[in-house]
């Protein structure tokens, strides 16, 4: 399938993120189309990553199917022909839909990222190493970088339109959403992560941390939305290479981050837009990393 930088469908477009284009389908459904755009350090690259959009969409679809009966979710279908049957106006756009689109129930989205951390890494490790805290809450002394957190820590964050999300305390989340909604979102987050972590570990992948989004549908139900346990929303590690006390190689955009780090240290990029041009080798390596994540999680090769 040819890489896609942006989509143009005959539906009202109601949003465009760093990666996804969002279209309205009537009043109660939305179409999520995941392009092959990629961002790093909050900057969207000029180049696309082949198959990335399909990987993110189809991993999410796979997880939504696995989560049937665990938590309610927004996916109606991620099959292009089923989507066209539901939305005939898309009949001439099958090539744009195939693999990368998901028809979903429309919700009112809660303005909180529900992050859960099973291992101490990334920004959480940086804060802990400096202050012994996570989002201002004290953690036990002596924890290691990449060390397992038992039980996993629920670590909500505010959703940022631009820049980084900001970690907040659960008390702050209660102030924003109320006690009952906060309790429900934490419980659903833990249920999804517990299942995902077990399934992934059986496939040789550790989900070190991940983030979920939730919304309320037209019937008032709180449901899981957006993407689920993908390389963009999660930190995937190879279980057979895991060694606490140090950073871990991950199944995500690491080849891209590594290249950009070199450019920054060499003084050829200031970390802001516009980004440097990506060599074909970096694009290819990043695409392969996403496809490998799909294969490792689902146990199958991605075919569109």
Foldseek 3Di string as FASTA:
>chain_A
DDAFPDDDAPFAFDDDAQFWTWGDDPDWKIKIFGGQWDDDLQAIAPDGFPCLLLLQLVVQVVLQVVCVVQFAAWFPDLALVVVCVVPVSCVVPSVRSHSRMTMTTDFAWDQKKWKKFQFQEDPNVVCCVVPCDGQPHHDDPDHAHRGGDVVIDTWMWGDDRGGDTGTHDLVVVCVRPNDVVSVVVNVSVVSSCVVQQVLLVVLQKGFRMFIWIWGAGPVRDIHTYDTDPALVGTWIAGNVQDDTRDDGDTLALVLVVVVQVVCVVVVNDVSHPPGDHDDPVSSNVRSVSSQVRSCSNPVDGDDD
